[in-house]
Each structure stands twice: as C-alpha cells, then as structure tokens.
Amino acid sequence: MRTTKAFHLPAIVVVLCCMAVLTVPTAAFAQVVLEDRGEVVALRAEGYLVGTFPASVKPQLETGVEQLRRHFRRGIPISAFHVRNRSGQWGVFIHDHPILPALPQVCTYHNTPPRLMASIWLSRLYTAYAMRYARCTRETMISDSAVTEGKVSWYGGPRWNGNRTASGEVFDDKQLTAAARDLPFNTLVQLTSPQTGKSVTVRITDRFFRYKGRLFDISRSAAELLDIKGHGVARVRVRVLGKLDHLSSP
C-alpha cells in the first residue's frame, strides 16, 4: 500500500458508469476475428476494433488469435494480460505467450513506438471485453454516485517498479493499472482526456487514499497513452466499466 505520490495531475471531471463481474461464454471464440480489408487487416474482439495491421503480418496475427482462443478454453485471469518485451520484441502477452506482437512493419504503418503500440492494444482488449459483458452494480461506484469530481496523479520508475501492490501483484509502470480508494481490484476504468482526445482503460490493482481530493493514481504508461504525463493541467472523463476477474468458457 502506498501513501506517497511521485507526480500530480490536476482537477478532473469524472463521469462514472458502473458495470459488473464478467464471464465470457463459448460464443466469444467466434468474436475474436480478423477482417480482410485489401491491404489492411482489422482485428476485432466482441465487435470492438482492437487494431489495424498491414496484410503482410496476417500469418502472425492468425497465430496470436489462435493463442487467445486456446487460453479462453482454459480460462484466463485478467491479470495474465501484459505488455512485455521478450528478446527485444514488444507485444501483448498472455502469461508468456505473445498474442499481439508489435512487429516493425506494424509500428511503421502507425508511426508508433512498439511499447506504446502494445499498450494501445491492451487498452482496447480491456475495453472490448468490459463493454460487451459488464453491467452496473453499486460496488463499482465511487461514493454511491455516477458523477463526481476529483484529481488524479501518476506514478512509476525505479522507486515503484517491483513493489508489491495492495492486490498482491507486483507493480510495473509499463502495465495499464491504477490505484483507487475502494473500487474492487480488477475493476476496469476508462479515462478520456478532452484536451488530447485520447483514451485508456486501466485495471485497479492498488489502494490509494484520497490525498487533496485525488481519486486515482495511474501508471506511467496510462498517463503516456492519455498524452497528459507532462501536462500541469488536464481534464479527464472517467467511466467505470466494471469488474473483470476471469475470462473463460462456461
């Protein structure tokens, strides 16, 4: 549990929509699909666009999609999804298995660095499954309210990396995580910056007492995706998508 903060971001307007624990049915296997668009391939999960890719990397995508489906059959804890670098290759992994490698031609196509590219995909996967299967509950609300105001901060770097969080997970500022006062662990929260127009979905893994009105403490990578890490002032809309512990077939 942490009681100090590394950096602060300013006041935010938080719009909350609460949803519940998610379980993915067998039909979800068919909902991880690749769409051919000529020179481009689109990957969708539950109908939600995760990313677009040059058609030349379709064989690697098919391998990743099959890995994802295989893990669904066995059951996947949401904490198993990671952004990781293995042998110089960034990507989205489930445990130690790559499902979306940030290949050079993909990063060139999007003009995006590999780690950032992988973080974008992870955020969209979180959003896809939350949006499809969640529903509203009181436990995932903040102060029993759907609308509130507050502040956020972000943290990361050597001082924090490797520390044990309140959920028992090891903190890694390359992941899309956040600390909250009392939202259940594995609650997914979507943040949108009206200043930059960018969004990220983070997973609650730690505890954070409201210091000077701040509601959340987000990881360095989450702040980078919002493009607010270096800003002194930011307004952010927040929607609580719901709690997701495990994805599996019934």
C-alpha atoms as a PDB file:
ATOM      1  CA  MET A   1       0.000   0.000   0.000  1.00  0.00           C
ATOM      2  CA  ARG A   2       1.325   3.377  -0.981  1.00  0.00           C
ATOM      3  CA  THR A   3       0.962   6.652   0.905  1.00  0.00           C
ATOM      4  CA  THR A   4       3.144   8.985  -1.186  1.00  0.00           C
ATOM      5  CA  LYS A   5       2.937  10.075  -4.806  1.00  0.00           C
ATOM      6  CA  ALA A   6       5.509  10.790  -7.454  1.00  0.00           C
ATOM      7  CA  PHE A   7       3.626  13.215  -9.719  1.00  0.00           C
ATOM      8  CA  HIS A   8       0.304  15.002  -9.735  1.00  0.00           C
ATOM      9  CA  LEU A   9      -2.164  15.794 -12.455  1.00  0.00           C
ATOM     10  CA  PRO A  10      -4.832  18.427 -11.884  1.00  0.00           C
ATOM     11  CA  ALA A  11      -8.575  18.535 -11.402  1.00  0.00           C
ATOM     12  CA  ILE A  12     -10.757  16.232 -13.433  1.00  0.00           C
ATOM     13  CA  VAL A  13     -14.429  15.753 -14.186  1.00  0.00           C
ATOM     14  CA  VAL A  14     -15.304  12.118 -13.664  1.00  0.00           C
ATOM     15  CA  VAL A  15     -18.325  10.528 -15.337  1.00  0.00           C
ATOM     16  CA  LEU A  16     -18.941   7.046 -13.994  1.00  0.00           C
ATOM     17  CA  CYS A  17     -20.995   4.212 -15.424  1.00  0.00           C
ATOM     18  CA  CYS A  18     -20.768   1.083 -13.317  1.00  0.00           C
ATOM     19  CA  MET A  19     -20.781  -2.494 -14.503  1.00  0.00           C
ATOM     20  CA  ALA A  20     -20.292  -5.961 -13.003  1.00  0.00           C
ATOM     21  CA  VAL A  21     -18.209  -9.132 -12.986  1.00  0.00           C
ATOM     22  CA  LEU A  22     -17.658 -10.520 -16.471  1.00  0.00           C
ATOM     23  CA  THR A  23     -17.799 -14.089 -17.723  1.00  0.00           C
ATOM     24  CA  VAL A  24     -17.189 -14.846 -21.384  1.00  0.00           C
ATOM     25  CA  PRO A  25     -19.365 -17.562 -22.993  1.00  0.00           C
ATOM     26  CA  THR A  26     -18.225 -20.074 -25.598  1.00  0.00           C
ATOM     27  CA  ALA A  27     -19.594 -17.833 -28.372  1.00  0.00           C
ATOM     28  CA  ALA A  28     -16.778 -15.418 -27.599  1.00  0.00           C
ATOM     29  CA  PHE A  29     -14.379 -17.674 -29.510  1.00  0.00           C
ATOM     30  CA  ALA A  30     -16.066 -16.572 -32.739  1.00  0.00           C
ATOM     31  CA  GLN A  31     -15.898 -12.943 -31.637  1.00  0.00           C
ATOM     32  CA  VAL A  32     -12.106 -12.676 -31.945  1.00  0.00           C
ATOM     33  CA  VAL A  33     -11.935 -12.214 -35.691  1.00  0.00           C
ATOM     34  CA  LEU A  34      -9.695 -10.895 -38.452  1.00  0.00           C
ATOM     35  CA  GLU A  35     -11.283  -8.861 -41.242  1.00  0.00           C
ATOM     36  CA  ASP A  36      -9.587  -8.560 -44.629  1.00  0.00           C
ATOM     37  CA  ARG A  37      -9.671  -5.021 -45.989  1.00  0.00           C
ATOM     38  CA  GLY A  38      -7.446  -5.368 -49.013  1.00  0.00           C
ATOM     39  CA  GLU A  39      -4.001  -4.192 -47.973  1.00  0.00           C
ATOM     40  CA  VAL A  40      -5.083  -3.936 -44.323  1.00  0.00           C
ATOM     41  CA  VAL A  41      -6.316  -6.499 -41.787  1.00  0.00           C
ATOM     42  CA  ALA A  42      -8.533  -5.452 -38.852  1.00  0.00           C
ATOM     43  CA  LEU A  43      -8.676  -7.334 -35.563  1.00  0.00           C
ATOM     44  CA  ARG A  44     -11.945  -7.194 -33.638  1.00  0.00           C
ATOM     45  CA  ALA A  45     -12.802  -8.594 -30.219  1.00  0.00           C
ATOM     46  CA  GLU A  46     -16.509  -8.741 -29.372  1.00  0.00           C
ATOM     47  CA  GLY A  47     -17.131  -6.410 -32.321  1.00  0.00           C
ATOM     48  CA  TYR A  48     -14.748  -3.780 -30.904  1.00  0.00           C
ATOM     49  CA  LEU A  49     -11.864  -2.685 -33.114  1.00  0.00           C
ATOM     50  CA  VAL A  50      -8.597  -3.606 -31.395  1.00  0.00           C
ATOM     51  CA  GLY A  51      -6.285  -2.587 -34.219  1.00  0.00           C
ATOM     52  CA  THR A  52      -5.470  -2.474 -37.911  1.00  0.00           C
ATOM     53  CA  PHE A  53      -2.426  -4.120 -39.445  1.00  0.00           C
ATOM     54  CA  PRO A  54      -0.671  -4.396 -42.799  1.00  0.00           C
ATOM     55  CA  ALA A  55      -1.898  -7.523 -44.600  1.00  0.00           C
ATOM     56  CA  SER A  56       1.687  -8.813 -44.692  1.00  0.00           C
ATOM     57  CA  VAL A  57       1.539  -9.690 -40.957  1.00  0.00           C
ATOM     58  CA  LYS A  58      -1.712 -11.677 -41.175  1.00  0.00           C
ATOM     59  CA  PRO A  59       0.026 -15.048 -40.560  1.00  0.00           C
ATOM     60  CA  GLN A  60       1.457 -13.756 -37.259  1.00  0.00           C
ATOM     61  CA  LEU A  61      -1.954 -12.349 -36.301  1.00  0.00           C
ATOM     62  CA  GLU A  62      -3.630 -15.689 -37.009  1.00  0.00           C
ATOM     63  CA  THR A  63      -1.150 -17.377 -34.677  1.00  0.00           C
ATOM     64  CA  GLY A  64      -1.907 -14.817 -31.959  1.00  0.00           C
ATOM     65  CA  VAL A  65      -5.669 -15.164 -32.371  1.00  0.00           C
ATOM     66  CA  GLU A  66      -5.372 -18.944 -32.040  1.00  0.00           C
ATOM     67  CA  GLN A  67      -3.334 -18.474 -28.839  1.00  0.00           C
ATOM     68  CA  LEU A  68      -6.060 -16.207 -27.469  1.00  0.00           C
ATOM     69  CA  ARG A  69      -8.772 -18.726 -28.278  1.00  0.00           C
ATOM     70  CA  ARG A  70      -6.759 -21.541 -26.702  1.00  0.00           C
ATOM     71  CA  HIS A  71      -6.404 -19.559 -23.477  1.00  0.00           C
ATOM     72  CA  PHE A  72     -10.131 -18.841 -23.443  1.00  0.00           C
ATOM     73  CA  ARG A  73     -10.850 -22.552 -23.479  1.00  0.00           C
ATOM     74  CA  ARG A  74      -8.607 -22.995 -20.432  1.00  0.00           C
ATOM     75  CA  GLY A  75      -9.686 -19.782 -18.708  1.00  0.00           C
ATOM     76  CA  ILE A  76      -7.688 -16.568 -18.379  1.00  0.00           C
ATOM     77  CA  PRO A  77      -7.314 -14.364 -15.308  1.00  0.00           C
ATOM     78  CA  ILE A  78      -7.437 -10.748 -16.452  1.00  0.00           C
ATOM     79  CA  SER A  79      -4.113 -10.210 -14.677  1.00  0.00           C
ATOM     80  CA  ALA A  80      -2.492 -12.561 -17.216  1.00  0.00           C
ATOM     81  CA  PHE A  81      -2.676  -9.901 -19.955  1.00  0.00           C
ATOM     82  CA  HIS A  82       0.577  -7.921 -20.062  1.00  0.00           C
ATOM     83  CA  VAL A  83       2.624  -5.581 -22.179  1.00  0.00           C
ATOM     84  CA  ARG A  84       6.014  -7.242 -22.336  1.00  0.00           C
ATOM     85  CA  ASN A  85       9.366  -7.202 -24.107  1.00  0.00           C
ATOM     86  CA  ARG A  86      10.749 -10.621 -24.918  1.00  0.00           C
ATOM     87  CA  SER A  87      14.027 -10.881 -26.816  1.00  0.00           C
ATOM     88  CA  GLY A  88      13.679  -7.295 -27.992  1.00  0.00           C
ATOM     89  CA  GLN A  89      10.097  -7.751 -29.221  1.00  0.00           C
ATOM     90  CA  TRP A  90       7.330  -5.748 -27.528  1.00  0.00           C
ATOM     91  CA  GLY A  91       3.792  -7.039 -27.617  1.00  0.00           C
ATOM     92  CA  VAL A  92       0.676  -8.058 -25.703  1.00  0.00           C
ATOM     93  CA  PHE A  93       1.197 -11.363 -23.905  1.00  0.00           C
ATOM     94  CA  ILE A  94      -0.997 -13.794 -22.022  1.00  0.00           C
ATOM     95  CA  HIS A  95       1.336 -15.175 -19.387  1.00  0.00           C
ATOM     96  CA  ASP A  96       4.452 -15.853 -21.503  1.00  0.00           C
ATOM     97  CA  HIS A  97       2.630 -16.348 -24.807  1.00  0.00           C
ATOM     98  CA  PRO A  98       2.603 -13.455 -27.322  1.00  0.00           C
ATOM     99  CA  ILE A  99      -0.797 -12.765 -28.870  1.00  0.00           C
ATOM    100  CA  LEU A 100      -0.165  -9.376 -30.499  1.00  0.00           C
ATOM    101  CA  PRO A 101       3.495  -8.723 -31.371  1.00  0.00           C
ATOM    102  CA  ALA A 102       4.369  -5.106 -32.134  1.00  0.00           C
ATOM    103  CA  LEU A 103       6.222  -6.002 -35.338  1.00  0.00           C
ATOM    104  CA  PRO A 104       8.357  -3.338 -37.040  1.00  0.00           C
ATOM    105  CA  GLN A 105       6.104  -3.096 -40.093  1.00  0.00           C
ATOM    106  CA  VAL A 106       3.042  -2.544 -37.860  1.00  0.00           C
ATOM    107  CA  CYS A 107       4.764   0.195 -35.864  1.00  0.00           C
ATOM    108  CA  THR A 108       5.963   1.841 -39.079  1.00  0.00           C
ATOM    109  CA  TYR A 109       2.433   1.666 -40.503  1.00  0.00           C
ATOM    110  CA  HIS A 110       1.060   3.505 -37.456  1.00  0.00           C
ATOM    111  CA  ASN A 111       4.176   5.614 -36.827  1.00  0.00           C
ATOM    112  CA  THR A 112       4.027   4.469 -33.197  1.00  0.00           C
ATOM    113  CA  PRO A 113       6.814   3.092 -30.939  1.00  0.00           C
ATOM    114  CA  PRO A 114       6.494  -0.643 -30.170  1.00  0.00           C
ATOM    115  CA  ARG A 115       5.782  -0.352 -26.433  1.00  0.00           C
ATOM    116  CA  LEU A 116       3.144   2.314 -26.978  1.00  0.00           C
ATOM    117  CA  MET A 117       1.601   0.240 -29.760  1.00  0.00           C
ATOM    118  CA  ALA A 118       1.279  -2.770 -27.464  1.00  0.00           C
ATOM    119  CA  SER A 119      -0.229  -0.588 -24.709  1.00  0.00           C
ATOM    120  CA  ILE A 120      -2.888   0.693 -27.103  1.00  0.00           C
ATOM    121  CA  TRP A 121      -3.892  -2.866 -27.984  1.00  0.00           C
ATOM    122  CA  LEU A 122      -4.044  -3.929 -24.336  1.00  0.00           C
ATOM    123  CA  SER A 123      -6.270  -0.956 -23.513  1.00  0.00           C
ATOM    124  CA  ARG A 124      -8.620  -1.853 -26.368  1.00  0.00           C
ATOM    125  CA  LEU A 125      -8.797  -5.506 -25.331  1.00  0.00           C
ATOM    126  CA  TYR A 126      -9.741  -4.414 -21.799  1.00  0.00           C
ATOM    127  CA  THR A 127     -12.407  -2.136 -23.248  1.00  0.00           C
ATOM    128  CA  ALA A 128     -13.770  -4.743 -25.661  1.00  0.00           C
ATOM    129  CA  TYR A 129     -14.481  -7.376 -23.028  1.00  0.00           C
ATOM    130  CA  ALA A 130     -15.753  -4.901 -20.450  1.00  0.00           C
ATOM    131  CA  MET A 131     -18.105  -3.169 -22.884  1.00  0.00           C
ATOM    132  CA  ARG A 132     -19.534  -6.462 -24.092  1.00  0.00           C
ATOM    133  CA  TYR A 133     -20.137  -8.287 -20.818  1.00  0.00           C
ATOM    134  CA  ALA A 134     -20.393  -5.778 -17.951  1.00  0.00           C
ATOM    135  CA  ARG A 135     -23.459  -4.414 -16.166  1.00  0.00           C
ATOM    136  CA  CYS A 136     -23.967  -1.848 -13.412  1.00  0.00           C
ATOM    137  CA  THR A 137     -23.503  -2.585  -9.683  1.00  0.00           C
ATOM    138  CA  ARG A 138     -23.241  -0.405  -6.594  1.00  0.00           C
ATOM    139  CA  GLU A 139     -19.855  -1.799  -5.524  1.00  0.00           C
ATOM    140  CA  THR A 140     -18.158  -0.341  -8.591  1.00  0.00           C
ATOM    141  CA  MET A 141     -19.454   3.175  -7.973  1.00  0.00           C
ATOM    142  CA  ILE A 142     -17.485   5.941  -6.304  1.00  0.00           C
ATOM    143  CA  SER A 143     -19.177   7.406  -3.221  1.00  0.00           C
ATOM    144  CA  ASP A 144     -22.509   5.956  -4.405  1.00  0.00           C
ATOM    145  CA  SER A 145     -22.539   8.484  -7.218  1.00  0.00           C
ATOM    146  CA  ALA A 146     -22.477   8.181 -11.009  1.00  0.00           C
ATOM    147  CA  VAL A 147     -20.977  11.672 -11.411  1.00  0.00           C
ATOM    148  CA  THR A 148     -18.226  13.223  -9.332  1.00  0.00           C
ATOM    149  CA  GLU A 149     -15.138  15.469  -9.488  1.00  0.00           C
ATOM    150  CA  GLY A 150     -11.597  14.963  -8.266  1.00  0.00           C
ATOM    151  CA  LYS A 151      -7.912  14.785  -9.082  1.00  0.00           C
ATOM    152  CA  VAL A 152      -5.509  12.100 -10.296  1.00  0.00           C
ATOM    153  CA  SER A 153      -1.766  11.543 -10.143  1.00  0.00           C
ATOM    154  CA  TRP A 154       0.564   9.071 -11.816  1.00  0.00           C
ATOM    155  CA  TYR A 155       3.491   7.048 -10.567  1.00  0.00           C
ATOM    156  CA  GLY A 156       6.283   4.885 -11.921  1.00  0.00           C
ATOM    157  CA  GLY A 157      10.021   4.443 -12.261  1.00  0.00           C
ATOM    158  CA  PRO A 158      12.592   2.616 -10.090  1.00  0.00           C
ATOM    159  CA  ARG A 159      11.041   3.839  -6.841  1.00  0.00           C
ATOM    160  CA  TRP A 160       7.823   1.938  -7.559  1.00  0.00           C
ATOM    161  CA  ASN A 161       8.639  -0.841 -10.043  1.00  0.00           C
ATOM    162  CA  GLY A 162       8.921  -4.220  -8.341  1.00  0.00           C
ATOM    163  CA  ASN A 163       6.960  -3.193  -5.241  1.00  0.00           C
ATOM    164  CA  ARG A 164       4.055  -5.344  -4.130  1.00  0.00           C
ATOM    165  CA  THR A 165       0.664  -3.667  -4.614  1.00  0.00           C
ATOM    166  CA  ALA A 166      -2.324  -3.989  -2.279  1.00  0.00           C
ATOM    167  CA  SER A 167      -3.806  -6.662  -4.578  1.00  0.00           C
ATOM    168  CA  GLY A 168      -0.645  -8.747  -4.239  1.00  0.00           C
ATOM    169  CA  GLU A 169       0.551  -8.088  -7.784  1.00  0.00           C
ATOM    170  CA  VAL A 170       3.989  -6.680  -8.469  1.00  0.00           C
ATOM    171  CA  PHE A 171       3.847  -3.114  -9.771  1.00  0.00           C
ATOM    172  CA  ASP A 172       5.163  -2.479 -13.282  1.00  0.00           C
ATOM    173  CA  ASP A 173       4.706   1.006 -14.724  1.00  0.00           C
ATOM    174  CA  LYS A 174       4.556  -0.437 -18.261  1.00  0.00           C
ATOM    175  CA  GLN A 175       1.176  -2.000 -17.460  1.00  0.00           C
ATOM    176  CA  LEU A 176      -2.172  -0.191 -17.598  1.00  0.00           C
ATOM    177  CA  THR A 177      -3.026  -0.165 -13.910  1.00  0.00           C
ATOM    178  CA  ALA A 178      -4.293   2.253 -11.295  1.00  0.00           C
ATOM    179  CA  ALA A 179      -4.792   2.670  -7.567  1.00  0.00           C
ATOM    180  CA  ALA A 180      -8.173   3.655  -6.100  1.00  0.00           C
ATOM    181  CA  ARG A 181      -9.513   4.154  -2.600  1.00  0.00           C
ATOM    182  CA  ASP A 182     -12.107   1.378  -2.576  1.00  0.00           C
ATOM    183  CA  LEU A 183     -13.010   0.176  -6.090  1.00  0.00           C
ATOM    184  CA  PRO A 184     -12.669  -3.632  -6.209  1.00  0.00           C
ATOM    185  CA  PHE A 185      -9.444  -4.998  -7.614  1.00  0.00           C
ATOM    186  CA  ASN A 186      -9.685  -5.835 -11.337  1.00  0.00           C
ATOM    187  CA  THR A 187     -12.255  -3.108 -11.905  1.00  0.00           C
ATOM    188  CA  LEU A 188     -11.692  -1.613 -15.357  1.00  0.00           C
ATOM    189  CA  VAL A 189     -11.872   2.166 -15.629  1.00  0.00           C
ATOM    190  CA  GLN A 190     -11.885   4.092 -18.896  1.00  0.00           C
ATOM    191  CA  LEU A 191     -10.234   7.513 -18.860  1.00  0.00           C
ATOM    192  CA  THR A 192     -10.596  10.079 -21.655  1.00  0.00           C
ATOM    193  CA  SER A 193      -8.763  13.383 -21.903  1.00  0.00           C
ATOM    194  CA  PRO A 194     -10.846  16.098 -23.599  1.00  0.00           C
ATOM    195  CA  GLN A 195      -7.618  18.056 -24.091  1.00  0.00           C
ATOM    196  CA  THR A 196      -5.913  15.402 -26.190  1.00  0.00           C
ATOM    197  CA  GLY A 197      -8.919  13.335 -27.292  1.00  0.00           C
ATOM    198  CA  LYS A 198      -7.111  10.162 -26.188  1.00  0.00           C
ATOM    199  CA  SER A 199      -8.460   7.348 -24.024  1.00  0.00           C
ATOM    200  CA  VAL A 200      -7.079   4.467 -21.997  1.00  0.00           C
ATOM    201  CA  THR A 201      -8.665   1.677 -19.969  1.00  0.00           C
ATOM    202  CA  VAL A 202      -6.842   0.806 -16.744  1.00  0.00           C
ATOM    203  CA  ARG A 203      -7.225  -2.016 -14.229  1.00  0.00           C
ATOM    204  CA  ILE A 204      -7.413  -1.345 -10.476  1.00  0.00           C
ATOM    205  CA  THR A 205      -4.630  -3.212  -8.672  1.00  0.00           C
ATOM    206  CA  ASP A 206      -3.690  -0.992  -5.727  1.00  0.00           C
ATOM    207  CA  ARG A 207      -5.078   1.124  -2.891  1.00  0.00           C
ATOM    208  CA  PHE A 208      -4.829   4.887  -2.752  1.00  0.00           C
ATOM    209  CA  PHE A 209      -6.184   7.186  -0.054  1.00  0.00           C
ATOM    210  CA  ARG A 210      -7.663  10.389  -1.408  1.00  0.00           C
ATOM    211  CA  TYR A 211      -4.961  12.952  -0.867  1.00  0.00           C
ATOM    212  CA  LYS A 212      -6.121  16.500  -1.617  1.00  0.00           C
ATOM    213  CA  GLY A 213      -9.155  15.120  -3.430  1.00  0.00           C
ATOM    214  CA  ARG A 214      -7.377  12.813  -5.886  1.00  0.00           C
ATOM    215  CA  LEU A 215      -9.452   9.813  -6.937  1.00  0.00           C
ATOM    216  CA  PHE A 216      -6.908   7.698  -8.831  1.00  0.00           C
ATOM    217  CA  ASP A 217      -3.211   7.130  -9.171  1.00  0.00           C
ATOM    218  CA  ILE A 218      -2.450   5.766 -12.639  1.00  0.00           C
ATOM    219  CA  SER A 219       0.632   4.070 -14.053  1.00  0.00           C
ATOM    220  CA  ARG A 220       3.190   5.900 -16.153  1.00  0.00           C
ATOM    221  CA  SER A 221       2.076   4.052 -19.306  1.00  0.00           C
ATOM    222  CA  ALA A 222      -1.555   5.022 -18.744  1.00  0.00           C
ATOM    223  CA  ALA A 223      -0.550   8.689 -18.457  1.00  0.00           C
ATOM    224  CA  GLU A 224       1.523   8.347 -21.634  1.00  0.00           C
ATOM    225  CA  LEU A 225      -1.415   6.910 -23.578  1.00  0.00           C
ATOM    226  CA  LEU A 226      -3.552   9.846 -22.487  1.00  0.00           C
ATOM    227  CA  ASP A 227      -0.694  12.178 -23.505  1.00  0.00           C
ATOM    228  CA  ILE A 228      -1.016  14.015 -20.195  1.00  0.00           C
ATOM    229  CA  LYS A 229       2.120  12.836 -18.384  1.00  0.00           C
ATOM    230  CA  GLY A 230       3.908  16.142 -18.850  1.00  0.00           C
ATOM    231  CA  HIS A 231       0.889  18.430 -18.529  1.00  0.00           C
ATOM    232  CA  GLY A 232       0.327  20.575 -15.477  1.00  0.00           C
ATOM    233  CA  VAL A 233      -3.448  20.780 -16.089  1.00  0.00           C
ATOM    234  CA  ALA A 234      -5.764  18.126 -17.544  1.00  0.00           C
ATOM    235  CA  ARG A 235      -9.479  17.442 -17.590  1.00  0.00           C
ATOM    236  CA  VAL A 236     -10.345  13.754 -17.836  1.00  0.00           C
ATOM    237  CA  ARG A 237     -13.660  11.984 -18.181  1.00  0.00           C
ATOM    238  CA  VAL A 238     -13.785   8.637 -16.386  1.00  0.00           C
ATOM    239  CA  ARG A 239     -16.184   5.749 -16.837  1.00  0.00           C
ATOM    240  CA  VAL A 240     -16.078   2.687 -14.605  1.00  0.00           C
ATOM    241  CA  LEU A 241     -16.704  -0.237 -16.964  1.00  0.00           C
ATOM    242  CA  GLY A 242     -16.951  -2.911 -14.297  1.00  0.00           C
ATOM    243  CA  LYS A 243     -15.116  -5.691 -12.516  1.00  0.00           C
ATOM    244  CA  LEU A 244     -13.492  -8.458 -14.549  1.00  0.00           C
ATOM    245  CA  ASP A 245     -11.557 -11.187 -12.772  1.00  0.00           C
ATOM    246  CA  HIS A 246     -11.547 -14.043 -15.229  1.00  0.00           C
ATOM    247  CA  LEU A 247     -12.384 -14.811 -18.858  1.00  0.00           C
ATOM    248  CA  SER A 248     -13.437 -18.386 -19.613  1.00  0.00           C
ATOM    249  CA  SER A 249     -15.854 -20.619 -21.448  1.00  0.00           C
ATOM    250  CA  PRO A 250     -18.706 -22.000 -19.344  1.00  0.00           C
END
